[in-house]
Amino acid sequence: MENALKTISEAGIQNVRFEVSDINGIARSKTIPARRFLDVCKSYITFPWPIYACDPLAQIVEDHHLFKKYFMSDVFFCPDVSTFTVLPWVKNTARVLLSPSAVANDVEVTVDPRQIALNQLSALKKRNLSFFSSFEYEFWVAHAETQEPLINGYNSYATLRLSKHQKFFDRLMNNLHGAGIRIECLETEYAIGQFEMPMEPEFGIQAVDNAATFRTGVKEMAMQEYFAASFMSKPYETGEGASGHLNHSLWSVDGKTPKLSDPSRPFGLSEIGEHWIAGILAHAPALSLLQSPTLNCRDRVQPGTFSPINATWGVDNRTCAVRWKRRGGHGSYIENRIGSSAGNPYISFAATIAAGIDGIDRRLPVPKDVPFNKDAHVAENIPPGIELLPTEMEGALDALLADQTMIAALGTDFIESFEQLKRHEMQVLKKHVEDGGDKFQWAKDFYFEYI
């Protein structure tokens, strides 16, 4: 608290944004004058319950079971002052993340994505492990008025593709760094208007807080330059979709000893690392929805792309669901490639940990790998018994609802809430198509601006 108050005074902060992530991964906030900061931090701030029962356009899902139970009552949130961050791209403004305290009559809030992520970190700590991770997002930048991509063609990594808009990307890099987000690099990707800015890893919740801040910050800075940035999976019908990979490694609780590497074992992968990967693969069908949650995400998963279509793993194999990046000791890590860019980072993070923990607890054996030089989209390269990932929303929902381990880890209230939001999206799209509308344009209208 003392550091936050000092920064407010010395940096001339006039406003503080108090922010929470909804289930869609959209930041929702209230901004207060900085003079009220201490009073708010000593008490609470409220949002109406439907922030957890709405779609990306904030349309309330009236059949939502918790909306029926609590209607428009307030949820009470406590500021997490440790997350106080100055936002260099918003004049004289800082940001604090919120943790839910209670809803009406002191009932516990069980569907908050950030709290669910914290719960899984606690579960991991009970197993004497900590989590070192970062998100690797692809995203889209377009001209705001037309939504036409900022760059055309598929010439990934080409330096000249960045040069025309270097001022904007310099601003992105510098301002994100100023907010405490360490960017690893910037590159153009293999799609029109697509860019990637992986973040450097952090321990614990800081990594996923950074991801949430990154997503909102990129969108805000694009708006300020009369561009539009989006993390929807596939806004253009041709070409690749966009991914949201979770790079991670396991460490001792004190963060000093890496737990994934063992040079004496096959692939340099420790026994606990094998169990962890096996857990992710065992729950991959459920993860395919939790980490790629929109209807538009289904269009990303296609054979012949870099999106995984089955529960495979391999050493440095980009076509698998899980990629073991063997870098030796402290540098080795696992890349969970199942997620799309549209996934809520808190849910992607929590679900990955829950799956990995189950692999450890049950000592699951890792299946046969797909060699680094084989395409996991080609049937002859797939080891026997490997499960395909669902390609349609209904099948993905069935997989999630059949996964009792994931339901227990994330909570029945959350899973039911998540399901109801997905079925709402399906109904909205169905009506749009029945009325003669275009499916792809609907997705762009529904997801592009806020996801």
Foldseek 3Di string as FASTA:
>chain_A
DVVLVVCCVPVVAQKEWEWAAEQLQFIDTDIDTPVCVVVCLVFWDKDWPQSNQAALVSDGLCVQPVCVVQPGWIWTWHWPCVLWFDQVVDPSYIYTYTDTQATPPRHDDQAGLQVLLVLLQVVVVVVQKWKKKAKKWKKFKFQQPPRHGPFAAFPKQDPVRCVVPVVLVVCLQVRLVRRVWAWPDKIAHRHGRMIITITGIDIGSVRLVSVSCSQVSNQVSSVVVNMGMFQQFDLDLDDATMFIKMKMFMAGPVRPFTDAADVVDPPRGDLLNQLLLLLCLVLVQLLLCQQQPAQSSLSNDDQPYLAEFWSAEEDQASNHQKYWDDPDTPPTIIIRGSHGSSHNSSSNSSLSSLSSVVSNVVSDGHDDHQYNPDHPSDVVRDDPPIGTHDSGPVSSLVSNVVPVSSCVSSHVSNNSSSVSNRVVNVVVLVVCVVVPHDNSVVCCVRGGRRD
